[in-house]
């Protein structure tokens, strides 16, 4: 039974009538461009055919009442009280890291994403109406496929539907990012929310993370992206993610640039030997990854799968050695994928330290590729992975229930 059917049936069971609308927002896999988004750089993700779904109807009051098929934590809150200052995370729940800098603590529970999006929308001046609904998703959680951004964009699309304001993908992505940064407490960049809001079927999306300008880029003919879930998970909020971000900001400061996106390959090479070894490696990854991402988009426009695969391989080496965000399991998965004749290239994807890799392969050889990679990875790690052959999907959408 499809997720759409499951949530509509559960809605009817709980509320005694069919929903008025069904909303969906996809997860994503990033083909190339990792840890470049918060450096104002370029990323090349695609929305995938795994999503968060909401069956819903408007309420006559200012309440949000939601039930999840995935979590045993019902959500019920007033849109009037969510504006109270004590509910704003960055104003009330500040900790400090070992360097003494302010850092937020994460709010826990899936309902905080709903509250956070409501807060961010209201802070931006949107008048919100209440709704009740049932939520479910098939985006693996904490696997680097942006289940949180899918939930945020599904929530934003739900509010847009019941409150009747226009859907502006870039605006909603920015507000979803603000909810995750300041309410939930995860210092993410803009990529995840942007691709979930603005994806297009059959295409990846080259995103300029500074201007949010986007360009549709088709997958090379005869290829498909395969998500390779290592079945290992990482914690993001208190992980080395925030350390990497601080290191990148320090490197940009050395070059006198607003962000590492503004540092050319030539400038980096001319001045790199003046950096300490660790900062040099962090900066090298970001500067070169931005260049690789633009080259990958051009290769895709030419339909050059072999060149795209080469760039993906180089990206993984850089993430493993210079940025140091891979893991033994991710490295093993990438090795297993690249051993297969059908594979053009593979790399870790997402923040790292666990989660998923992505491979570009020949579409007509996907069944054999999946079987061989699963067997290879299980043999070297003892872990049974999850593998998803993915189609590029549209971004967040609202459908009247028929």
Protein backbone atom coordinates (compact mmCIF):
# COMPACT_ATOMS: atom_id res chain seq x y z
CA UNK A 1 0.00 0.00 0.00
CA UNK A 2 1.37 3.41 -0.95
CA UNK A 3 2.15 5.99 1.72
CA UNK A 4 -0.44 8.31 0.22
CA UNK A 5 -3.11 5.66 0.62
CA UNK A 6 -1.97 4.78 4.15
CA UNK A 7 -2.16 8.35 5.42
CA UNK A 8 -5.54 9.01 3.81
CA UNK A 9 -6.97 5.84 5.37
CA UNK A 10 -5.55 6.78 8.76
CA UNK A 11 -6.93 10.30 8.40
CA UNK A 12 -10.39 8.92 7.70
CA UNK A 13 -10.11 6.60 10.70
CA UNK A 14 -9.05 9.37 13.07
CA UNK A 15 -11.17 12.25 11.83
CA UNK A 16 -14.20 10.49 10.38
CA UNK A 17 -13.97 12.01 6.89
CA UNK A 18 -11.56 12.15 3.94
CA UNK A 19 -8.80 14.78 3.99
CA UNK A 20 -9.21 17.98 2.01
CA UNK A 21 -5.63 17.92 0.71
CA UNK A 22 -2.58 15.71 0.45
CA UNK A 23 0.88 17.33 0.57
CA UNK A 24 4.22 15.74 -0.22
CA UNK A 25 7.80 16.99 -0.01
CA UNK A 26 10.77 14.86 -1.12
CA UNK A 27 14.05 13.92 0.40
CA UNK A 28 17.17 14.39 -1.66
CA UNK A 29 20.46 12.91 -2.67
CA UNK A 30 23.35 15.19 -3.49
CA UNK A 31 25.23 14.06 -6.58
CA UNK A 32 28.19 16.35 -5.88
CA UNK A 33 28.95 19.51 -3.92
CA UNK A 34 29.36 18.48 -0.28
CA UNK A 35 29.97 20.91 2.59
CA UNK A 36 29.90 23.73 0.03
CA UNK A 37 26.41 25.04 0.82
CA UNK A 38 27.30 26.83 4.06
CA UNK A 39 30.34 28.23 2.23
CA UNK A 40 28.00 30.06 -0.18
CA UNK A 41 29.06 27.66 -2.92
CA UNK A 42 27.46 25.33 -5.45
CA UNK A 43 25.63 22.05 -4.94
CA UNK A 44 24.05 19.60 -7.36
CA UNK A 45 21.31 17.60 -5.61
CA UNK A 46 18.23 15.91 -6.96
CA UNK A 47 14.94 15.38 -5.20
CA UNK A 48 14.18 11.67 -4.89
CA UNK A 49 11.02 9.59 -5.07
CA UNK A 50 10.99 9.19 -1.27
CA UNK A 51 9.08 11.82 0.61
CA UNK A 52 7.16 13.03 3.64
CA UNK A 53 3.40 12.98 3.06
CA UNK A 54 0.65 14.84 4.93
CA UNK A 55 -3.10 14.17 4.65
CA UNK A 56 -4.88 17.18 6.11
CA UNK A 57 -7.82 19.52 6.36
CA UNK A 58 -8.09 23.07 7.69
CA UNK A 59 -9.33 23.73 11.22
CA UNK A 60 -11.59 26.52 12.33
CA UNK A 61 -9.25 27.53 15.15
CA UNK A 62 -5.57 28.38 15.45
CA UNK A 63 -4.39 24.90 16.39
CA UNK A 64 -2.21 22.32 14.68
CA UNK A 65 -3.09 18.73 15.52
CA UNK A 66 -0.96 16.09 13.80
CA UNK A 67 -0.42 12.36 14.13
CA UNK A 68 2.57 10.48 12.74
CA UNK A 69 2.61 6.94 11.44
CA UNK A 70 6.35 6.86 12.14
CA UNK A 71 6.54 8.25 15.70
CA UNK A 72 4.35 7.64 18.72
CA UNK A 73 4.34 11.34 19.62
CA UNK A 74 1.16 13.23 18.71
CA UNK A 75 1.55 16.96 18.11
CA UNK A 76 -0.97 19.54 19.33
CA UNK A 77 -0.12 23.22 19.69
CA UNK A 78 -1.63 26.66 19.32
CA UNK A 79 -0.34 29.00 16.63
CA UNK A 80 -0.90 31.85 19.07
CA UNK A 81 1.44 30.50 21.75
CA UNK A 82 4.20 29.53 19.33
CA UNK A 83 5.02 33.23 19.02
CA UNK A 84 5.80 33.64 22.71
CA UNK A 85 9.46 34.68 23.24
CA UNK A 86 10.14 31.78 25.60
CA UNK A 87 9.56 29.40 22.71
CA UNK A 88 12.36 30.87 20.62
CA UNK A 89 15.28 28.48 20.90
CA UNK A 90 18.17 30.85 20.38
CA UNK A 91 16.82 33.27 22.99
CA UNK A 92 16.32 30.77 25.77
CA UNK A 93 18.36 27.60 25.34
CA UNK A 94 21.98 28.63 24.85
CA UNK A 95 24.93 26.44 25.77
CA UNK A 96 28.63 26.96 25.07
CA UNK A 97 31.12 24.83 23.22
CA UNK A 98 34.69 24.26 24.43
CA UNK A 99 35.83 27.47 22.69
CA UNK A 100 33.28 29.46 24.69
CA UNK A 101 31.14 30.39 21.67
CA UNK A 102 27.33 30.34 21.91
CA UNK A 103 25.74 27.18 20.66
CA UNK A 104 22.12 26.05 20.75
CA UNK A 105 20.94 22.77 22.16
CA UNK A 106 18.66 20.75 19.90
CA UNK A 107 14.96 20.50 20.51
CA UNK A 108 13.91 16.89 20.35
CA UNK A 109 10.90 15.25 18.74
CA UNK A 110 9.43 15.42 15.26
CA UNK A 111 6.83 17.97 16.37
CA UNK A 112 9.54 20.59 16.89
CA UNK A 113 9.97 20.78 13.12
CA UNK A 114 6.30 21.70 12.77
CA UNK A 115 6.51 24.26 15.55
CA UNK A 116 9.74 25.66 14.17
CA UNK A 117 8.34 26.14 10.68
CA UNK A 118 5.23 27.80 12.12
CA UNK A 119 7.45 30.13 14.16
CA UNK A 120 9.64 31.02 11.16
CA UNK A 121 6.61 31.70 8.94
CA UNK A 122 4.99 33.92 11.57
CA UNK A 123 8.26 35.76 12.17
CA UNK A 124 8.30 36.48 8.42
CA UNK A 125 4.81 37.98 8.59
CA UNK A 126 2.64 35.12 7.33
CA UNK A 127 -0.84 34.81 8.85
CA UNK A 128 -1.29 31.11 9.55
CA UNK A 129 -4.44 29.02 9.78
CA UNK A 130 -4.71 25.84 11.81
CA UNK A 131 -4.92 22.33 10.39
CA UNK A 132 -5.16 18.71 11.43
CA UNK A 133 -3.51 15.84 9.66
CA UNK A 134 -1.66 12.57 9.48
CA UNK A 135 2.03 12.50 8.56
CA UNK A 136 4.25 9.68 7.29
CA UNK A 137 7.46 9.38 5.32
CA UNK A 138 9.74 6.89 3.63
CA UNK A 139 12.90 9.01 3.65
CA UNK A 140 15.37 7.11 5.86
CA UNK A 141 16.07 9.10 9.02
CA UNK A 142 19.62 10.32 9.75
CA UNK A 143 20.89 8.72 6.55
CA UNK A 144 21.97 11.92 4.84
CA UNK A 145 18.86 12.08 2.63
CA UNK A 146 17.33 15.12 4.33
CA UNK A 147 14.34 13.65 6.09
CA UNK A 148 14.23 16.77 8.29
CA UNK A 149 14.14 19.17 5.32
CA UNK A 150 11.40 17.05 3.73
CA UNK A 151 9.35 17.38 6.92
CA UNK A 152 9.99 21.13 7.06
CA UNK A 153 8.95 21.69 3.45
CA UNK A 154 5.91 19.43 3.81
CA UNK A 155 4.92 21.53 6.83
CA UNK A 156 5.50 24.80 4.97
CA UNK A 157 3.51 23.54 1.98
CA UNK A 158 0.70 22.52 4.33
CA UNK A 159 0.57 25.98 5.89
CA UNK A 160 0.64 27.57 2.42
CA UNK A 161 -2.30 25.38 1.40
CA UNK A 162 -4.56 26.04 4.37
CA UNK A 163 -3.53 29.70 4.78
CA UNK A 164 -3.75 30.39 1.04
CA UNK A 165 -0.47 32.19 0.52
CA UNK A 166 1.62 31.64 -2.65
CA UNK A 167 4.35 29.01 -2.74
CA UNK A 168 7.69 30.69 -3.38
CA UNK A 169 10.27 27.93 -3.27
CA UNK A 170 13.32 30.01 -2.38
CA UNK A 171 11.47 31.96 0.31
CA UNK A 172 10.07 28.80 1.89
CA UNK A 173 13.49 27.14 1.75
CA UNK A 174 15.06 30.05 3.61
CA UNK A 175 12.38 29.92 6.29
CA UNK A 176 12.74 26.14 6.62
CA UNK A 177 16.47 26.61 7.08
CA UNK A 178 15.83 29.25 9.73
CA UNK A 179 13.52 26.87 11.58
CA UNK A 180 16.19 24.18 11.60
CA UNK A 181 19.00 26.58 12.56
CA UNK A 182 17.28 28.63 15.23
CA UNK A 183 14.41 26.49 16.51
CA UNK A 184 15.58 22.90 16.15
CA UNK A 185 19.24 23.80 16.68
CA UNK A 186 20.99 22.27 13.65
CA UNK A 187 23.40 24.62 11.89
CA UNK A 188 22.58 23.41 8.35
CA UNK A 189 23.04 25.17 5.03
CA UNK A 190 20.31 25.91 2.49
CA UNK A 191 20.71 22.99 0.07
CA UNK A 192 18.37 20.48 1.67
CA UNK A 193 15.39 22.78 1.98
CA UNK A 194 15.95 24.28 -1.47
CA UNK A 195 15.95 21.01 -3.40
CA UNK A 196 12.96 19.71 -1.43
CA UNK A 197 11.07 22.90 -2.26
CA UNK A 198 12.14 23.33 -5.90
CA UNK A 199 13.12 19.93 -7.34
CA UNK A 200 12.04 18.87 -10.82
CA UNK A 201 11.37 15.36 -12.11
CA UNK A 202 14.09 13.99 -14.37
CA UNK A 203 16.64 16.58 -13.32
CA UNK A 204 19.21 17.51 -10.74
CA UNK A 205 19.31 21.13 -9.67
CA UNK A 206 22.46 23.21 -9.72
CA UNK A 207 21.99 25.61 -6.81
CA UNK A 208 23.99 28.73 -6.15
CA UNK A 209 23.75 28.75 -2.37
CA UNK A 210 24.43 32.49 -2.17
CA UNK A 211 21.85 33.82 -4.63
CA UNK A 212 19.60 30.71 -4.63
CA UNK A 213 19.60 30.88 -8.43
CA UNK A 214 18.96 27.44 -9.85
CA UNK A 215 19.56 25.65 -13.14
CA UNK A 216 17.92 22.39 -14.14
CA UNK A 217 20.48 19.81 -15.20
CA UNK A 218 19.37 16.49 -16.76
CA UNK A 219 20.85 13.18 -15.71
CA UNK A 220 22.99 11.67 -18.50
CA UNK A 221 20.89 9.42 -20.77
CA UNK A 222 20.71 5.79 -19.71
CA UNK A 223 21.88 6.45 -16.15
CA UNK A 224 20.26 6.25 -12.75
CA UNK A 225 21.33 7.36 -9.29
CA UNK A 226 21.48 4.69 -6.60
CA UNK A 227 21.45 5.55 -2.90
CA UNK A 228 23.59 3.17 -0.87
CA UNK A 229 22.63 3.30 2.80
CA UNK A 230 25.43 1.94 4.99
CA UNK A 231 22.91 1.34 7.82
CA UNK A 232 25.18 3.38 10.08
CA UNK A 233 24.00 6.65 11.56
CA UNK A 234 25.64 9.82 12.78
CA UNK A 235 24.65 12.55 15.20
CA UNK A 236 24.73 15.92 13.45
CA UNK A 237 24.13 18.64 16.03
CA UNK A 238 27.04 17.85 18.35
CA UNK A 239 29.28 16.29 15.70
CA UNK A 240 32.32 17.60 13.90
CA UNK A 241 29.99 19.32 11.42
CA UNK A 242 30.08 22.56 13.41
CA UNK A 243 33.84 22.30 13.75
CA UNK A 244 34.24 21.99 9.98
CA UNK A 245 32.06 25.04 9.49
CA UNK A 246 34.20 27.09 11.88
CA UNK A 247 37.37 25.92 10.12
CA UNK A 248 35.96 27.02 6.78
CA UNK A 249 35.09 30.45 8.15
CA UNK A 250 38.63 30.82 9.50
CA UNK A 251 40.08 29.87 6.12
CA UNK A 252 37.86 32.39 4.32
CA UNK A 253 39.06 35.04 6.75
CA UNK A 254 42.67 34.24 5.92
CA UNK A 255 41.99 34.81 2.23
CA UNK A 256 40.10 38.03 3.00
CA UNK A 257 36.98 36.55 1.41
CA UNK A 258 33.36 36.61 2.61
CA UNK A 259 33.25 32.83 2.10
CA UNK A 260 35.38 30.11 0.55
CA UNK A 261 33.12 30.29 -2.51
CA UNK A 262 34.96 33.54 -3.34
CA UNK A 263 38.39 31.90 -3.35
CA UNK A 264 39.45 30.74 -6.82
CA UNK A 265 41.49 27.61 -7.43
CA UNK A 266 44.35 29.84 -8.57
CA UNK A 267 44.22 32.02 -5.44
CA UNK A 268 44.12 28.97 -3.20
CA UNK A 269 47.14 27.41 -4.88
CA UNK A 270 49.10 30.68 -4.68
CA UNK A 271 48.56 31.15 -0.95
CA UNK A 272 47.84 27.66 0.42
CA UNK A 273 51.33 27.13 1.82
CA UNK A 274 50.73 30.02 4.25
CA UNK A 275 47.91 28.10 5.98
CA UNK A 276 48.41 25.56 8.72
CA UNK A 277 48.11 22.01 7.42
CA UNK A 278 44.64 21.27 8.81
CA UNK A 279 43.03 24.51 7.62
CA UNK A 280 44.71 24.09 4.23
CA UNK A 281 43.12 20.68 3.73
CA UNK A 282 39.68 21.91 4.79
CA UNK A 283 39.88 24.89 2.43
CA UNK A 284 41.26 22.77 -0.42
CA UNK A 285 38.24 20.50 -0.26
CA UNK A 286 35.74 23.35 -0.47
CA UNK A 287 37.53 25.31 -3.20
CA UNK A 288 38.08 22.25 -5.37
CA UNK A 289 34.60 20.85 -4.66
CA UNK A 290 33.01 24.04 -5.92
CA UNK A 291 35.02 23.71 -9.14
CA UNK A 292 34.10 20.03 -9.43
CA UNK A 293 30.41 20.82 -9.00
CA UNK A 294 30.36 23.34 -11.83
CA UNK A 295 32.29 20.91 -14.02
CA UNK A 296 29.81 18.15 -13.15
CA UNK A 297 26.86 20.27 -14.23
CA UNK A 298 28.54 20.94 -17.55
CA UNK A 299 29.28 17.24 -18.02
CA UNK A 300 25.63 16.44 -17.39
CA UNK A 301 24.52 18.99 -19.97
CA UNK A 302 26.76 17.18 -22.47
CA UNK A 303 25.41 13.80 -21.37
CA UNK A 304 28.93 12.78 -20.33
CA UNK A 305 28.37 10.14 -17.67
CA UNK A 306 32.02 9.08 -17.61
CA UNK A 307 33.23 12.58 -16.73
CA UNK A 308 30.54 12.98 -14.08
CA UNK A 309 31.67 9.68 -12.57
CA UNK A 310 35.29 10.82 -12.46
CA UNK A 311 34.29 13.97 -10.60
CA UNK A 312 32.23 11.97 -8.11
CA UNK A 313 35.22 9.74 -7.40
CA UNK A 314 37.47 12.76 -6.84
CA UNK A 315 34.87 14.26 -4.53
CA UNK A 316 34.89 11.19 -2.31
CA UNK A 317 38.68 11.16 -2.03
CA UNK A 318 38.59 14.82 -1.00
CA UNK A 319 35.85 14.26 1.57
CA UNK A 320 37.73 11.27 2.95
CA UNK A 321 41.23 12.74 3.09
CA UNK A 322 40.96 16.56 3.17
CA UNK A 323 37.64 17.16 4.92
CA UNK A 324 37.76 13.92 6.95
CA UNK A 325 34.01 13.35 7.16
CA UNK A 326 33.83 9.83 5.78
CA UNK A 327 33.86 6.57 7.75
CA UNK A 328 35.11 3.02 7.30
CA UNK A 329 31.62 1.92 6.29
CA UNK A 330 31.20 4.73 3.76
CA UNK A 331 34.63 4.04 2.29
CA UNK A 332 33.80 0.35 2.06
CA UNK A 333 30.49 1.05 0.35
CA UNK A 334 32.12 3.36 -2.20
CA UNK A 335 34.79 0.75 -2.93
CA UNK A 336 32.14 -1.93 -3.44
CA UNK A 337 30.20 0.31 -5.83
CA UNK A 338 33.22 1.34 -7.86
CA UNK A 339 34.25 -2.28 -8.38
CA UNK A 340 31.13 -2.85 -10.46
CA UNK A 341 31.36 -2.50 -14.23
CA UNK A 342 28.01 -0.70 -14.31
CA UNK A 343 29.26 2.10 -12.05
CA UNK A 344 30.54 5.38 -13.47
CA UNK A 345 31.38 6.80 -10.06
CA UNK A 346 30.40 6.79 -6.39
CA UNK A 347 30.93 8.99 -3.34
CA UNK A 348 29.65 9.55 0.17
CA UNK A 349 26.77 11.98 0.30
CA UNK A 350 25.39 14.11 3.11
CA UNK A 351 27.17 15.48 6.14
CA UNK A 352 29.18 12.30 6.61
CA UNK A 353 30.34 10.14 9.55
CA UNK A 354 27.75 7.55 8.47
CA UNK A 355 24.64 7.47 6.37
CA UNK A 356 24.68 7.07 2.61
CA UNK A 357 26.78 7.00 -0.50
CA UNK A 358 25.47 7.67 -4.01
CA UNK A 359 26.47 5.94 -7.24
CA UNK A 360 25.82 6.81 -10.86
CA UNK A 361 25.28 3.63 -12.84
CA UNK A 362 23.95 2.28 -16.12
CA UNK A 363 20.21 2.04 -15.64
CA UNK A 364 19.78 -1.28 -17.44
CA UNK A 365 22.26 -2.98 -15.11
CA UNK A 366 20.75 -1.80 -11.83
CA UNK A 367 19.44 -5.19 -10.57
CA UNK A 368 22.86 -6.85 -10.84
CA UNK A 369 24.60 -3.78 -9.43
CA UNK A 370 22.36 -3.74 -6.37
CA UNK A 371 22.81 -7.45 -5.67
CA UNK A 372 26.59 -7.34 -6.06
CA UNK A 373 27.06 -4.22 -3.93
CA UNK A 374 24.89 -5.61 -1.13
CA UNK A 375 26.89 -8.85 -1.10
CA UNK A 376 30.23 -7.00 -1.20
CA UNK A 377 29.37 -4.58 1.58
CA UNK A 378 27.96 -7.29 3.85
CA UNK A 379 31.09 -9.37 3.31
CA UNK A 380 33.48 -6.61 4.38
CA UNK A 381 31.43 -5.06 7.20
CA UNK A 382 29.00 -7.71 8.41
CA UNK A 383 26.19 -5.17 7.97
CA UNK A 384 23.23 -5.58 5.63
CA UNK A 385 22.81 -2.27 3.74
CA UNK A 386 19.73 -0.68 2.27
CA UNK A 387 19.89 0.23 -1.42
CA UNK A 388 17.46 2.48 -3.27
CA UNK A 389 17.39 2.98 -7.02
CA UNK A 390 16.03 6.53 -7.23
CA UNK A 391 14.19 8.62 -9.77
CA UNK A 392 14.48 12.40 -9.76
CA UNK A 393 11.20 13.80 -8.41
CA UNK A 394 9.33 17.09 -8.23
CA UNK A 395 9.63 19.33 -5.19
CA UNK A 396 6.99 20.02 -2.55
CA UNK A 397 3.44 19.98 -3.86
CA UNK A 398 -0.13 20.16 -2.61
CA UNK A 399 -2.83 18.03 -4.21
CA UNK A 400 -6.57 18.40 -3.65
CA UNK A 401 -7.89 15.08 -2.34
CA UNK A 402 -10.25 13.46 -4.83
